[in-house]
Amino acid sequence: MDRSNDPRYDFNANPTIEELLAQQGKGPISDPTVLLGDFWPEDEPVEEFLAALDEWRGHDRSKRAA
């Protein structure tokens, strides 16, 4: 597939926001609840989430600076 004339693949292109929206077929979000994620069980406290996040990121909470 030849992409040389396709503006979506032009590294030096400088499209406007409107052009990007048209290319991607997207628009403004009218319902902000669509942005809510459902990745953590409601019955688990936020402290467990933060501990898991630190673990996923490779942080060792026992060696934190005061």
C-alpha atoms as a PDB file:
ATOM      1  CA  MET A   1       0.000   0.000   0.000  1.00  0.00           C
ATOM      2  CA  ASP A   2       1.450   3.361  -1.042  1.00  0.00           C
ATOM      3  CA  ARG A   3       1.036   5.894   1.790  1.00  0.00           C
ATOM      4  CA  SER A   4       3.242   8.616   0.326  1.00  0.00           C
ATOM      5  CA  ASN A   5       0.294  10.806  -0.732  1.00  0.00           C
ATOM      6  CA  ASP A   6      -1.894  10.121   2.277  1.00  0.00           C
ATOM      7  CA  PRO A   7      -1.850  13.108   4.680  1.00  0.00           C
ATOM      8  CA  ARG A   8      -2.575  10.831   7.645  1.00  0.00           C
ATOM      9  CA  TYR A   9       0.921   9.362   7.300  1.00  0.00           C
ATOM     10  CA  ASP A  10       2.788  12.619   6.600  1.00  0.00           C
ATOM     11  CA  PHE A  11       5.209  13.196   9.475  1.00  0.00           C
ATOM     12  CA  ASN A  12       5.440  16.904   8.668  1.00  0.00           C
ATOM     13  CA  ALA A  13       1.690  17.452   8.394  1.00  0.00           C
ATOM     14  CA  ASN A  14       0.175  20.010  10.716  1.00  0.00           C
ATOM     15  CA  PRO A  15      -3.567  19.280  10.682  1.00  0.00           C
ATOM     16  CA  THR A  16      -6.044  21.392  12.593  1.00  0.00           C
ATOM     17  CA  ILE A  17      -8.202  19.906  15.327  1.00  0.00           C
ATOM     18  CA  GLU A  18     -11.161  19.922  12.941  1.00  0.00           C
ATOM     19  CA  GLU A  19      -9.157  17.989  10.334  1.00  0.00           C
ATOM     20  CA  LEU A  20      -8.082  15.414  12.919  1.00  0.00           C
ATOM     21  CA  LEU A  21     -11.668  14.975  14.080  1.00  0.00           C
ATOM     22  CA  ALA A  22     -12.832  14.481  10.497  1.00  0.00           C
ATOM     23  CA  GLN A  23     -10.057  11.959   9.746  1.00  0.00           C
ATOM     24  CA  GLN A  24     -10.764   9.945  12.884  1.00  0.00           C
ATOM     25  CA  GLY A  25     -14.538  10.162  12.677  1.00  0.00           C
ATOM     26  CA  LYS A  26     -14.754  11.444  16.229  1.00  0.00           C
ATOM     27  CA  GLY A  27     -16.508  14.355  17.850  1.00  0.00           C
ATOM     28  CA  PRO A  28     -17.099  15.984  21.192  1.00  0.00           C
ATOM     29  CA  ILE A  29     -18.148  13.765  24.081  1.00  0.00           C
ATOM     30  CA  SER A  30     -21.700  14.593  25.111  1.00  0.00           C
ATOM     31  CA  ASP A  31     -21.892  12.117  27.990  1.00  0.00           C
ATOM     32  CA  PRO A  32     -18.882  12.228  30.369  1.00  0.00           C
ATOM     33  CA  THR A  33     -19.878   8.910  31.950  1.00  0.00           C
ATOM     34  CA  VAL A  34     -18.465   7.117  28.899  1.00  0.00           C
ATOM     35  CA  LEU A  35     -15.025   8.019  30.272  1.00  0.00           C
ATOM     36  CA  LEU A  36     -15.542   6.040  33.477  1.00  0.00           C
ATOM     37  CA  GLY A  37     -13.445   2.915  33.755  1.00  0.00           C
ATOM     38  CA  ASP A  38     -14.478  -0.314  35.401  1.00  0.00           C
ATOM     39  CA  PHE A  39     -11.136  -1.840  36.282  1.00  0.00           C
ATOM     40  CA  TRP A  40     -11.197  -2.143  40.074  1.00  0.00           C
ATOM     41  CA  PRO A  41     -13.744  -3.974  42.258  1.00  0.00           C
ATOM     42  CA  GLU A  42     -15.906  -1.568  44.254  1.00  0.00           C
ATOM     43  CA  ASP A  43     -15.566  -3.604  47.454  1.00  0.00           C
ATOM     44  CA  GLU A  44     -11.770  -3.154  47.611  1.00  0.00           C
ATOM     45  CA  PRO A  45     -10.431  -0.038  49.367  1.00  0.00           C
ATOM     46  CA  VAL A  46      -8.447   2.614  47.514  1.00  0.00           C
ATOM     47  CA  GLU A  47      -5.359   1.757  49.575  1.00  0.00           C
ATOM     48  CA  GLU A  48      -5.227  -1.671  47.937  1.00  0.00           C
ATOM     49  CA  PHE A  49      -5.489  -0.037  44.535  1.00  0.00           C
ATOM     50  CA  LEU A  50      -2.620   2.337  45.323  1.00  0.00           C
ATOM     51  CA  ALA A  51      -0.492  -0.549  46.611  1.00  0.00           C
ATOM     52  CA  ALA A  52      -1.207  -2.535  43.442  1.00  0.00           C
ATOM     53  CA  LEU A  53      -0.385   0.499  41.311  1.00  0.00           C
ATOM     54  CA  ASP A  54       2.971   0.906  43.066  1.00  0.00           C
ATOM     55  CA  GLU A  55       3.679  -2.792  42.558  1.00  0.00           C
ATOM     56  CA  TRP A  56       2.758  -2.619  38.859  1.00  0.00           C
ATOM     57  CA  ARG A  57       5.108   0.341  38.462  1.00  0.00           C
ATOM     58  CA  GLY A  58       7.930  -1.505  40.220  1.00  0.00           C
ATOM     59  CA  HIS A  59       8.013   0.753  43.267  1.00  0.00           C
ATOM     60  CA  ASP A  60       9.027  -0.584  46.656  1.00  0.00           C
ATOM     61  CA  ARG A  61       6.958   1.204  49.310  1.00  0.00           C
ATOM     62  CA  SER A  62       9.300   0.054  52.079  1.00  0.00           C
ATOM     63  CA  LYS A  63      12.145   2.151  50.633  1.00  0.00           C
ATOM     64  CA  ARG A  64      10.272   5.431  50.269  1.00  0.00           C
ATOM     65  CA  ALA A  65      11.894   8.677  51.372  1.00  0.00           C
ATOM     66  CA  ALA A  66      10.181  10.475  54.248  1.00  0.00           C
END
